[in-house]
Structures are given as C-alpha cells and as structure tokens.
Amino acid sequence: MSIIVTGATGNLGRHVVEQLLEKVPAGQITAVVRNAEKAADFAERGVKIALADYNAPASFDGLFSAGDKVLLVSGNEFDKGRVQQHKVVIDAAKAAGVALLAYTSAPGTLTAALADDHRGTEELLLDSGVPYTLLRNGWYHENYTENLAPVLEHNAVVAAAGEGKVSSAARADYAAAAVAVLTGEGHENKTYELGGDTPWSFAEYAAELSRQTGKAITYNPVSTEVLTGILTGAGLPEALAQTLAGVDASIEKGELVVSTGDLSRLTGRPTTPFSEAIAAALKG
C-alpha cells in the first residue's frame, strides 16, 4: 500500500509529504509531480517520484494500485478546466481500485465562483464510487501573510469583506489533517469542514499588524468593483481578480467562518493562531 500525493511540490503538497515522512517510511510515499527537479530533495530521502500532469491523462495510466491511498490536491490552473483535470485522477483511481481518494475542496458554505470547480469535482468523486474523504479546506493564513508588502507600504488592509470574518489556518494545519486521514482509519466517505479555531475580521487583522509593526495600519473596506480594479491594476488577470473579489463578498456574508472544530480534532492540536503566522511573516 502506497500513499500517493498529487501536486507534491506545490505549497500544500510539500507540507503533506514533509509531514508524512515523520509518520511512515519514505518508501511508502509517492510524490506525483510535473517537474522531477523540484522533487529532488524528496527523492534523496527515499520518496518515490512519479511524473504526471493533470493535462495529460495517459500520464496517470498505471500510476495507482489497488489499496493505495491518494491525496488529490486541487489544481491551481483556473483557466484549464480544473474539473476535467481532477477527473483524470479520479478515473485513474477508480480503474486501479484505490482504498481511498482524499480531495482538497472548499467549505460547503462557500458560494463564490471559486467553489464551482470544487463542487463539480466532489460530484464526480461521489458518482465514481471510489471511497472518498472530502477535505473542505477553509482559507489559508498564507493568502494574507505572503502578500504583506503592499499592506506595509500603504499602511492599509484593503478588502471588499465589510465586517465579515475568516476562519483561516496555516497550510501546515491543513496538511496535518490530510496526513491524519491518509495514515489513519475510518475516514472513508466522510466530509470534513476545515478551518481555524478563531475567526478574525479585517479590522482585527489591521489592528494585529499595527501592534506587531508599531505602525498605524488601517482597514479600508471597499466594494468588489473597486477591489477588482485594484487587483487588475496590480497585474492580475480580470477573471482572477473578479474571483478573488467574489471571495471577499462571500466573507462579508460569513461564508468563510468554519465552526465545526474538525481541523483541530483531526490534527489533535489547536490550529496555528493568525497572530503567529503574521509574526513569522514579518520576521521572514
């Protein structure tokens, strides 16, 4: 039985493989990547490397075996039809008779366009008959902490989220939940709504940044139209800018508040506080 992680050199996949190496022998782990060079460090530690691409269905032929547990990390090529990309993996998993296919989805409450591909993938997975686990990941701390430069430059947090709150958690937290599912028992045909223990508002985010930097950083709420304009002005494609602004609109409606406790329950520990992630980013 192998544990197979797709997108293994991506931001989330890399965390998953690192944490798997702490739990199981390297030879039981297969990292599915498009570029072997990016996975060289894993290969040196004994992880099996498989070259495959969501856009090349034949590359998944024979990659899985009966009894394998697979983590399908959702693709990030929004312009290439993600549902069809994910179908390639689901079809290969079904043909092989894998024991479990876990999929990194989005919160069930999220109505923003970003969630459409996830819903489509979930339907395919449920229809396939493959034993599944839906890991409905909430928002990541890193969505904000990796983009602090403009905030610190202008002393302003700009968002179209009104007074809405976000139950974000660290990538490492979501990775730990995936590892718990891949190495544990009894997760077949389960859905987990995953998010941080403590939701925060953008005003609280600005206040925490002010506290940690000693600067007076304010929260400037704007409309989704204004935010879309800001993002396209910064070089983002129009469609992606609209998608991100749509997430802010969902935040204003409370759709990214996750109160199940599933994430800390799966990992056996509290989720990483947002303040800690901000501190780490400011030091970095």
C-alpha atoms as a PDB file:
ATOM      1  CA  MET A   1       0.000   0.000   0.000  1.00  0.00           C
ATOM      2  CA  SER A   2       1.351   3.374  -1.039  1.00  0.00           C
ATOM      3  CA  ILE A   3       0.308   6.851  -0.009  1.00  0.00           C
ATOM      4  CA  ILE A   4       0.282   8.980  -3.138  1.00  0.00           C
ATOM      5  CA  VAL A   5       0.224  12.785  -3.108  1.00  0.00           C
ATOM      6  CA  THR A   6      -0.512  14.750  -6.283  1.00  0.00           C
ATOM      7  CA  GLY A   7       0.830  18.274  -6.675  1.00  0.00           C
ATOM      8  CA  ALA A   8       3.518  17.193  -4.223  1.00  0.00           C
ATOM      9  CA  THR A   9       5.873  20.136  -4.817  1.00  0.00           C
ATOM     10  CA  GLY A  10       3.123  22.748  -4.529  1.00  0.00           C
ATOM     11  CA  ASN A  11       2.592  24.903  -1.452  1.00  0.00           C
ATOM     12  CA  LEU A  12       0.249  22.450   0.270  1.00  0.00           C
ATOM     13  CA  GLY A  13       1.567  19.191  -1.205  1.00  0.00           C
ATOM     14  CA  ARG A  14       5.101  19.842   0.028  1.00  0.00           C
ATOM     15  CA  HIS A  15       3.817  20.267   3.598  1.00  0.00           C
ATOM     16  CA  VAL A  16       1.892  16.991   3.277  1.00  0.00           C
ATOM     17  CA  VAL A  17       4.914  14.998   2.087  1.00  0.00           C
ATOM     18  CA  GLU A  18       7.150  16.507   4.795  1.00  0.00           C
ATOM     19  CA  GLN A  19       4.650  15.535   7.486  1.00  0.00           C
ATOM     20  CA  LEU A  20       4.111  12.047   6.009  1.00  0.00           C
ATOM     21  CA  LEU A  21       7.866  11.471   6.266  1.00  0.00           C
ATOM     22  CA  GLU A  22       7.507  11.906  10.033  1.00  0.00           C
ATOM     23  CA  LYS A  23       4.830   9.193  10.185  1.00  0.00           C
ATOM     24  CA  VAL A  24       5.591   6.478   7.607  1.00  0.00           C
ATOM     25  CA  PRO A  25       8.677   5.062   5.834  1.00  0.00           C
ATOM     26  CA  ALA A  26       9.724   7.137   2.816  1.00  0.00           C
ATOM     27  CA  GLY A  27       9.364   4.118   0.541  1.00  0.00           C
ATOM     28  CA  GLN A  28       5.617   4.055   1.182  1.00  0.00           C
ATOM     29  CA  ILE A  29       5.195   7.601  -0.169  1.00  0.00           C
ATOM     30  CA  THR A  30       4.853   8.528  -3.833  1.00  0.00           C
ATOM     31  CA  ALA A  31       5.098  12.196  -4.808  1.00  0.00           C
ATOM     32  CA  VAL A  32       3.332  12.970  -8.082  1.00  0.00           C
ATOM     33  CA  VAL A  33       4.982  15.942  -9.780  1.00  0.00           C
ATOM     34  CA  ARG A  34       5.358  17.550 -13.174  1.00  0.00           C
ATOM     35  CA  ASN A  35       8.990  18.517 -12.655  1.00  0.00           C
ATOM     36  CA  ALA A  36      11.315  15.905 -11.146  1.00  0.00           C
ATOM     37  CA  GLU A  37      13.982  18.512 -10.320  1.00  0.00           C
ATOM     38  CA  LYS A  38      11.618  20.244  -7.883  1.00  0.00           C
ATOM     39  CA  ALA A  39      11.204  16.932  -6.052  1.00  0.00           C
ATOM     40  CA  ALA A  40      14.918  16.069  -5.937  1.00  0.00           C
ATOM     41  CA  ASP A  41      15.066  16.635  -2.171  1.00  0.00           C
ATOM     42  CA  PHE A  42      12.224  14.138  -1.664  1.00  0.00           C
ATOM     43  CA  ALA A  43      13.890  11.578  -3.932  1.00  0.00           C
ATOM     44  CA  GLU A  44      17.128  11.867  -1.948  1.00  0.00           C
ATOM     45  CA  ARG A  45      15.181  10.953   1.189  1.00  0.00           C
ATOM     46  CA  GLY A  46      13.712   7.815  -0.398  1.00  0.00           C
ATOM     47  CA  VAL A  47      10.328   9.102  -1.562  1.00  0.00           C
ATOM     48  CA  LYS A  48       9.187   7.570  -4.858  1.00  0.00           C
ATOM     49  CA  ILE A  49       8.715  10.178  -7.588  1.00  0.00           C
ATOM     50  CA  ALA A  50       6.090   9.806 -10.334  1.00  0.00           C
ATOM     51  CA  LEU A  51       5.903  12.199 -13.271  1.00  0.00           C
ATOM     52  CA  ALA A  52       2.316  13.007 -14.250  1.00  0.00           C
ATOM     53  CA  ASP A  53       0.285  16.001 -15.371  1.00  0.00           C
ATOM     54  CA  TYR A  54      -3.436  16.667 -14.887  1.00  0.00           C
ATOM     55  CA  ASN A  55      -3.466  17.861 -18.526  1.00  0.00           C
ATOM     56  CA  ALA A  56      -2.073  14.556 -19.831  1.00  0.00           C
ATOM     57  CA  PRO A  57      -4.480  11.738 -18.862  1.00  0.00           C
ATOM     58  CA  ALA A  58      -2.175   8.986 -20.155  1.00  0.00           C
ATOM     59  CA  SER A  59       0.490  10.060 -17.642  1.00  0.00           C
ATOM     60  CA  PHE A  60      -1.709   8.622 -14.864  1.00  0.00           C
ATOM     61  CA  ASP A  61      -2.030   5.203 -16.518  1.00  0.00           C
ATOM     62  CA  GLY A  62      -0.771   2.557 -14.100  1.00  0.00           C
ATOM     63  CA  LEU A  63       0.277   5.130 -11.521  1.00  0.00           C
ATOM     64  CA  PHE A  64      -2.124   3.851  -8.836  1.00  0.00           C
ATOM     65  CA  SER A  65      -2.552   0.327  -7.468  1.00  0.00           C
ATOM     66  CA  ALA A  66      -5.326  -1.438  -5.567  1.00  0.00           C
ATOM     67  CA  GLY A  67      -5.248  -0.479  -1.906  1.00  0.00           C
ATOM     68  CA  ASP A  68      -3.399   2.816  -2.372  1.00  0.00           C
ATOM     69  CA  LYS A  69      -4.470   5.938  -0.521  1.00  0.00           C
ATOM     70  CA  VAL A  70      -4.393   9.032  -2.720  1.00  0.00           C
ATOM     71  CA  LEU A  71      -4.477  12.732  -1.915  1.00  0.00           C
ATOM     72  CA  LEU A  72      -5.761  14.750  -4.862  1.00  0.00           C
ATOM     73  CA  VAL A  73      -4.557  18.282  -4.244  1.00  0.00           C
ATOM     74  CA  SER A  74      -6.794  20.551  -6.311  1.00  0.00           C
ATOM     75  CA  GLY A  75      -5.086  22.156  -9.290  1.00  0.00           C
ATOM     76  CA  ASN A  76      -4.443  25.884  -9.500  1.00  0.00           C
ATOM     77  CA  GLU A  77      -4.734  26.348 -13.265  1.00  0.00           C
ATOM     78  CA  PHE A  78      -8.065  28.125 -13.154  1.00  0.00           C
ATOM     79  CA  ASP A  79      -8.061  28.648 -16.929  1.00  0.00           C
ATOM     80  CA  LYS A  80      -7.582  24.977 -17.888  1.00  0.00           C
ATOM     81  CA  GLY A  81     -10.819  23.378 -16.675  1.00  0.00           C
ATOM     82  CA  ARG A  82      -9.965  22.101 -13.220  1.00  0.00           C
ATOM     83  CA  VAL A  83     -12.907  19.692 -13.002  1.00  0.00           C
ATOM     84  CA  GLN A  84     -11.699  17.839 -16.092  1.00  0.00           C
ATOM     85  CA  GLN A  85      -8.144  17.844 -14.720  1.00  0.00           C
ATOM     86  CA  HIS A  86      -9.345  16.305 -11.464  1.00  0.00           C
ATOM     87  CA  LYS A  87     -11.474  13.772 -13.394  1.00  0.00           C
ATOM     88  CA  VAL A  88      -8.263  12.361 -14.863  1.00  0.00           C
ATOM     89  CA  VAL A  89      -7.071  11.446 -11.354  1.00  0.00           C
ATOM     90  CA  ILE A  90     -10.476  10.172 -10.199  1.00  0.00           C
ATOM     91  CA  ASP A  91     -10.822   7.946 -13.276  1.00  0.00           C
ATOM     92  CA  ALA A  92      -7.328   6.503 -12.749  1.00  0.00           C
ATOM     93  CA  ALA A  93      -8.070   5.911  -9.053  1.00  0.00           C
ATOM     94  CA  LYS A  94     -11.312   4.121  -9.898  1.00  0.00           C
ATOM     95  CA  ALA A  95      -9.652   1.930 -12.531  1.00  0.00           C
ATOM     96  CA  ALA A  96      -6.949   0.903 -10.046  1.00  0.00           C
ATOM     97  CA  GLY A  97      -9.311   0.210  -7.144  1.00  0.00           C
ATOM     98  CA  VAL A  98      -7.637   2.526  -4.637  1.00  0.00           C
ATOM     99  CA  ALA A  99      -8.646   2.246  -0.978  1.00  0.00           C
ATOM    100  CA  LEU A 100      -9.235   5.976  -0.532  1.00  0.00           C
ATOM    101  CA  LEU A 101      -9.123   9.196  -2.512  1.00  0.00           C
ATOM    102  CA  ALA A 102      -8.994  12.347  -0.365  1.00  0.00           C
ATOM    103  CA  TYR A 103      -9.679  15.638  -2.155  1.00  0.00           C
ATOM    104  CA  THR A 104      -8.790  19.159  -1.013  1.00  0.00           C
ATOM    105  CA  SER A 105     -12.033  21.030  -1.584  1.00  0.00           C
ATOM    106  CA  ALA A 106     -13.586  24.286  -0.341  1.00  0.00           C
ATOM    107  CA  PRO A 107     -16.004  24.962   2.543  1.00  0.00           C
ATOM    108  CA  GLY A 108     -19.540  23.759   1.892  1.00  0.00           C
ATOM    109  CA  THR A 109     -20.839  27.216   2.819  1.00  0.00           C
ATOM    110  CA  LEU A 110     -18.804  28.990   0.118  1.00  0.00           C
ATOM    111  CA  THR A 111     -20.977  30.209  -2.781  1.00  0.00           C
ATOM    112  CA  ALA A 112     -18.273  32.264  -4.538  1.00  0.00           C
ATOM    113  CA  ALA A 113     -17.328  31.233  -8.087  1.00  0.00           C
ATOM    114  CA  LEU A 114     -14.078  29.833  -6.682  1.00  0.00           C
ATOM    115  CA  ALA A 115     -16.106  26.969  -5.210  1.00  0.00           C
ATOM    116  CA  ASP A 116     -17.702  25.904  -8.505  1.00  0.00           C
ATOM    117  CA  ASP A 117     -14.797  23.692  -9.610  1.00  0.00           C
ATOM    118  CA  HIS A 118     -14.701  22.087  -6.166  1.00  0.00           C
ATOM    119  CA  ARG A 119     -18.418  21.272  -6.241  1.00  0.00           C
ATOM    120  CA  GLY A 120     -18.052  19.804  -9.727  1.00  0.00           C
ATOM    121  CA  THR A 121     -15.127  17.656  -8.588  1.00  0.00           C
ATOM    122  CA  GLU A 122     -16.991  16.484  -5.486  1.00  0.00           C
ATOM    123  CA  GLU A 123     -19.913  15.348  -7.662  1.00  0.00           C
ATOM    124  CA  LEU A 124     -17.585  13.369  -9.937  1.00  0.00           C
ATOM    125  CA  LEU A 125     -15.881  11.786  -6.950  1.00  0.00           C
ATOM    126  CA  LEU A 126     -19.130  10.765  -5.269  1.00  0.00           C
ATOM    127  CA  ASP A 127     -20.501   9.400  -8.552  1.00  0.00           C
ATOM    128  CA  SER A 128     -17.312   7.377  -9.159  1.00  0.00           C
ATOM    129  CA  GLY A 129     -17.927   5.021  -6.250  1.00  0.00           C
ATOM    130  CA  VAL A 130     -14.319   5.404  -5.089  1.00  0.00           C
ATOM    131  CA  PRO A 131     -14.070   5.549  -1.262  1.00  0.00           C
ATOM    132  CA  TYR A 132     -13.544   9.256  -0.625  1.00  0.00           C
ATOM    133  CA  THR A 133     -12.745  11.863   2.000  1.00  0.00           C
ATOM    134  CA  LEU A 134     -13.661  15.469   1.297  1.00  0.00           C
ATOM    135  CA  LEU A 135     -11.201  17.804   2.985  1.00  0.00           C
ATOM    136  CA  ARG A 136     -13.075  21.086   2.650  1.00  0.00           C
ATOM    137  CA  ASN A 137     -10.191  23.417   3.392  1.00  0.00           C
ATOM    138  CA  GLY A 138     -11.001  26.927   4.526  1.00  0.00           C
ATOM    139  CA  TRP A 139      -8.868  29.946   3.767  1.00  0.00           C
ATOM    140  CA  TYR A 140      -5.110  29.896   4.418  1.00  0.00           C
ATOM    141  CA  HIS A 141      -3.211  32.364   6.647  1.00  0.00           C
ATOM    142  CA  GLU A 142      -0.654  32.487   3.830  1.00  0.00           C
ATOM    143  CA  ASN A 143      -3.197  34.056   1.471  1.00  0.00           C
ATOM    144  CA  TYR A 144      -2.548  37.179   3.542  1.00  0.00           C
ATOM    145  CA  THR A 145       0.865  36.732   5.165  1.00  0.00           C
ATOM    146  CA  GLU A 146       2.578  36.090   1.805  1.00  0.00           C
ATOM    147  CA  ASN A 147       1.178  39.363   0.453  1.00  0.00           C
ATOM    148  CA  LEU A 148       2.117  41.814   3.192  1.00  0.00           C
ATOM    149  CA  ALA A 149       4.360  44.088   1.080  1.00  0.00           C
ATOM    150  CA  PRO A 150       1.589  46.363  -0.301  1.00  0.00           C
ATOM    151  CA  VAL A 151      -0.146  46.420   3.084  1.00  0.00           C
ATOM    152  CA  LEU A 152       3.029  47.604   4.828  1.00  0.00           C
ATOM    153  CA  GLU A 153       3.851  50.012   2.006  1.00  0.00           C
ATOM    154  CA  HIS A 154       0.483  51.781   2.209  1.00  0.00           C
ATOM    155  CA  ASN A 155      -0.258  51.110   5.905  1.00  0.00           C
ATOM    156  CA  ALA A 156      -3.638  49.803   4.847  1.00  0.00           C
ATOM    157  CA  VAL A 157      -5.505  46.499   4.658  1.00  0.00           C
ATOM    158  CA  VAL A 158      -7.816  46.772   1.653  1.00  0.00           C
ATOM    159  CA  ALA A 159     -10.625  44.233   1.216  1.00  0.00           C
ATOM    160  CA  ALA A 160     -14.217  44.009  -0.007  1.00  0.00           C
ATOM    161  CA  ALA A 161     -15.273  41.938   3.004  1.00  0.00           C
ATOM    162  CA  GLY A 162     -17.076  44.514   5.133  1.00  0.00           C
ATOM    163  CA  GLU A 163     -17.178  43.311   8.729  1.00  0.00           C
ATOM    164  CA  GLY A 164     -17.079  39.632   7.709  1.00  0.00           C
ATOM    165  CA  LYS A 165     -14.774  37.186   9.455  1.00  0.00           C
ATOM    166  CA  VAL A 166     -12.415  34.437   8.228  1.00  0.00           C
ATOM    167  CA  SER A 167     -11.601  31.129   9.946  1.00  0.00           C
ATOM    168  CA  SER A 168      -8.174  30.811   8.379  1.00  0.00           C
ATOM    169  CA  ALA A 169      -5.458  28.354   9.378  1.00  0.00           C
ATOM    170  CA  ALA A 170      -1.888  27.629   8.312  1.00  0.00           C
ATOM    171  CA  ARG A 171      -1.099  25.408   5.313  1.00  0.00           C
ATOM    172  CA  ALA A 172       0.728  23.155   7.758  1.00  0.00           C
ATOM    173  CA  ASP A 173      -2.531  22.720   9.718  1.00  0.00           C
ATOM    174  CA  TYR A 174      -4.488  21.622   6.643  1.00  0.00           C
ATOM    175  CA  ALA A 175      -1.588  19.360   5.650  1.00  0.00           C
ATOM    176  CA  ALA A 176      -1.704  17.739   9.094  1.00  0.00           C
ATOM    177  CA  ALA A 177      -5.407  16.991   8.617  1.00  0.00           C
ATOM    178  CA  ALA A 178      -4.674  15.341   5.254  1.00  0.00           C
ATOM    179  CA  VAL A 179      -1.887  13.284   6.839  1.00  0.00           C
ATOM    180  CA  ALA A 180      -4.216  12.181   9.650  1.00  0.00           C
ATOM    181  CA  VAL A 181      -6.699  10.927   7.042  1.00  0.00           C
ATOM    182  CA  LEU A 182      -4.054   9.243   4.863  1.00  0.00           C
ATOM    183  CA  THR A 183      -2.397   7.444   7.782  1.00  0.00           C
ATOM    184  CA  GLY A 184      -5.491   6.790   9.908  1.00  0.00           C
ATOM    185  CA  GLU A 185      -8.549   4.571   9.697  1.00  0.00           C
ATOM    186  CA  GLY A 186     -12.272   5.155   9.398  1.00  0.00           C
ATOM    187  CA  HIS A 187     -12.231   8.237   7.161  1.00  0.00           C
ATOM    188  CA  GLU A 188     -13.934   6.604   4.166  1.00  0.00           C
ATOM    189  CA  ASN A 189     -16.902   8.526   2.724  1.00  0.00           C
ATOM    190  CA  LYS A 190     -16.544  11.345   5.258  1.00  0.00           C
ATOM    191  CA  THR A 191     -16.690  15.091   4.730  1.00  0.00           C
ATOM    192  CA  TYR A 192     -14.669  17.400   6.963  1.00  0.00           C
ATOM    193  CA  GLU A 193     -15.297  21.154   7.117  1.00  0.00           C
ATOM    194  CA  LEU A 194     -11.891  22.558   8.000  1.00  0.00           C
ATOM    195  CA  GLY A 195     -10.969  25.984   9.355  1.00  0.00           C
ATOM    196  CA  GLY A 196      -9.055  27.775  12.070  1.00  0.00           C
ATOM    197  CA  ASP A 197     -10.248  27.760  15.670  1.00  0.00           C
ATOM    198  CA  THR A 198     -10.632  31.544  15.933  1.00  0.00           C
ATOM    199  CA  PRO A 199     -12.244  33.621  13.159  1.00  0.00           C
ATOM    200  CA  TRP A 200     -10.923  37.161  12.664  1.00  0.00           C
ATOM    201  CA  SER A 201     -12.165  40.301  10.904  1.00  0.00           C
ATOM    202  CA  PHE A 202     -10.106  42.554   8.643  1.00  0.00           C
ATOM    203  CA  ALA A 203     -10.278  45.326  11.239  1.00  0.00           C
ATOM    204  CA  GLU A 204      -8.736  42.864  13.723  1.00  0.00           C
ATOM    205  CA  TYR A 205      -6.130  41.906  11.118  1.00  0.00           C
ATOM    206  CA  ALA A 206      -5.148  45.576  10.665  1.00  0.00           C
ATOM    207  CA  ALA A 207      -5.030  46.045  14.448  1.00  0.00           C
ATOM    208  CA  GLU A 208      -2.768  42.996  14.878  1.00  0.00           C
ATOM    209  CA  LEU A 209      -0.442  44.237  12.129  1.00  0.00           C
ATOM    210  CA  SER A 210      -0.348  47.640  13.834  1.00  0.00           C
ATOM    211  CA  ARG A 211       0.517  46.000  17.158  1.00  0.00           C
ATOM    212  CA  GLN A 212       3.318  43.901  15.696  1.00  0.00           C
ATOM    213  CA  THR A 213       4.871  46.577  13.429  1.00  0.00           C
ATOM    214  CA  GLY A 214       4.318  49.669  15.579  1.00  0.00           C
ATOM    215  CA  LYS A 215       2.734  51.337  12.544  1.00  0.00           C
ATOM    216  CA  ALA A 216      -0.784  52.732  12.330  1.00  0.00           C
ATOM    217  CA  ILE A 217      -2.312  50.315   9.817  1.00  0.00           C
ATOM    218  CA  THR A 218      -5.979  50.815   8.999  1.00  0.00           C
ATOM    219  CA  TYR A 219      -8.646  48.672   7.359  1.00  0.00           C
ATOM    220  CA  ASN A 220     -10.140  50.243   4.240  1.00  0.00           C
ATOM    221  CA  PRO A 221     -13.285  48.384   3.201  1.00  0.00           C
ATOM    222  CA  VAL A 222     -14.068  48.825  -0.496  1.00  0.00           C
ATOM    223  CA  SER A 223     -16.628  47.494  -2.969  1.00  0.00           C
ATOM    224  CA  THR A 224     -15.930  44.357  -5.006  1.00  0.00           C
ATOM    225  CA  GLU A 225     -15.746  46.569  -8.127  1.00  0.00           C
ATOM    226  CA  VAL A 226     -13.065  48.772  -6.575  1.00  0.00           C
ATOM    227  CA  LEU A 227     -11.103  45.743  -5.355  1.00  0.00           C
ATOM    228  CA  THR A 228     -11.278  44.144  -8.808  1.00  0.00           C
ATOM    229  CA  GLY A 229      -9.839  47.367 -10.247  1.00  0.00           C
ATOM    230  CA  ILE A 230      -7.032  47.423  -7.678  1.00  0.00           C
ATOM    231  CA  LEU A 231      -6.125  43.793  -8.396  1.00  0.00           C
ATOM    232  CA  THR A 232      -6.143  44.197 -12.183  1.00  0.00           C
ATOM    233  CA  GLY A 233      -4.079  47.360 -11.739  1.00  0.00           C
ATOM    234  CA  ALA A 234      -1.556  45.227  -9.861  1.00  0.00           C
ATOM    235  CA  GLY A 235      -1.309  42.913 -12.857  1.00  0.00           C
ATOM    236  CA  LEU A 236      -3.814  40.153 -12.111  1.00  0.00           C
ATOM    237  CA  PRO A 237      -5.955  38.847 -14.986  1.00  0.00           C
ATOM    238  CA  GLU A 238      -9.502  40.241 -14.894  1.00  0.00           C
ATOM    239  CA  ALA A 239     -11.119  36.831 -14.328  1.00  0.00           C
ATOM    240  CA  LEU A 240      -8.859  36.003 -11.367  1.00  0.00           C
ATOM    241  CA  ALA A 241      -9.348  39.479  -9.880  1.00  0.00           C
ATOM    242  CA  GLN A 242     -13.122  39.016 -10.065  1.00  0.00           C
ATOM    243  CA  THR A 243     -12.837  35.567  -8.480  1.00  0.00           C
ATOM    244  CA  LEU A 244     -10.824  36.907  -5.550  1.00  0.00           C
ATOM    245  CA  ALA A 245     -13.176  39.852  -5.085  1.00  0.00           C
ATOM    246  CA  GLY A 246     -16.033  37.335  -5.110  1.00  0.00           C
ATOM    247  CA  VAL A 247     -14.398  35.504  -2.198  1.00  0.00           C
ATOM    248  CA  ASP A 248     -14.368  38.777  -0.244  1.00  0.00           C
ATOM    249  CA  ALA A 249     -18.080  39.151  -0.935  1.00  0.00           C
ATOM    250  CA  SER A 250     -18.572  35.658   0.479  1.00  0.00           C
ATOM    251  CA  ILE A 251     -16.509  36.592   3.539  1.00  0.00           C
ATOM    252  CA  GLU A 252     -18.826  39.557   4.145  1.00  0.00           C
ATOM    253  CA  LYS A 253     -21.745  37.088   4.188  1.00  0.00           C
ATOM    254  CA  GLY A 254     -19.960  34.872   6.736  1.00  0.00           C
ATOM    255  CA  GLU A 255     -19.296  32.010   4.306  1.00  0.00           C
ATOM    256  CA  LEU A 256     -15.668  31.504   5.381  1.00  0.00           C
ATOM    257  CA  VAL A 257     -16.432  31.126   9.067  1.00  0.00           C
ATOM    258  CA  VAL A 258     -15.991  27.438   9.887  1.00  0.00           C
ATOM    259  CA  SER A 259     -17.132  26.441  13.359  1.00  0.00           C
ATOM    260  CA  THR A 260     -17.075  22.623  13.199  1.00  0.00           C
ATOM    261  CA  GLY A 261     -13.774  22.150  15.036  1.00  0.00           C
ATOM    262  CA  ASP A 262     -12.956  19.394  12.503  1.00  0.00           C
ATOM    263  CA  LEU A 263      -9.446  20.707  11.787  1.00  0.00           C
ATOM    264  CA  SER A 264      -8.155  20.744  15.365  1.00  0.00           C
ATOM    265  CA  ARG A 265      -9.979  17.465  16.028  1.00  0.00           C
ATOM    266  CA  LEU A 266      -8.284  15.697  13.077  1.00  0.00           C
ATOM    267  CA  THR A 267      -4.834  17.055  13.912  1.00  0.00           C
ATOM    268  CA  GLY A 268      -5.162  16.593  17.666  1.00  0.00           C
ATOM    269  CA  ARG A 269      -3.980  20.124  18.413  1.00  0.00           C
ATOM    270  CA  PRO A 270      -5.201  23.739  18.222  1.00  0.00           C
ATOM    271  CA  THR A 271      -4.808  25.448  14.857  1.00  0.00           C
ATOM    272  CA  THR A 272      -1.982  27.967  14.356  1.00  0.00           C
ATOM    273  CA  PRO A 273      -3.079  31.425  15.566  1.00  0.00           C
ATOM    274  CA  PHE A 274      -3.181  34.072  12.830  1.00  0.00           C
ATOM    275  CA  SER A 275      -1.018  36.318  15.019  1.00  0.00           C
ATOM    276  CA  GLU A 276       1.750  33.685  14.965  1.00  0.00           C
ATOM    277  CA  ALA A 277       1.626  33.454  11.177  1.00  0.00           C
ATOM    278  CA  ILE A 278       1.835  37.259  10.904  1.00  0.00           C
ATOM    279  CA  ALA A 279       4.827  37.319  13.280  1.00  0.00           C
ATOM    280  CA  ALA A 280       6.629  34.636  11.266  1.00  0.00           C
ATOM    281  CA  ALA A 281       5.982  36.523   8.013  1.00  0.00           C
ATOM    282  CA  LEU A 282       7.253  39.814   9.427  1.00  0.00           C
ATOM    283  CA  LYS A 283      10.448  38.110  10.612  1.00  0.00           C
ATOM    284  CA  GLY A 284      10.926  36.336   7.296  1.00  0.00           C
END
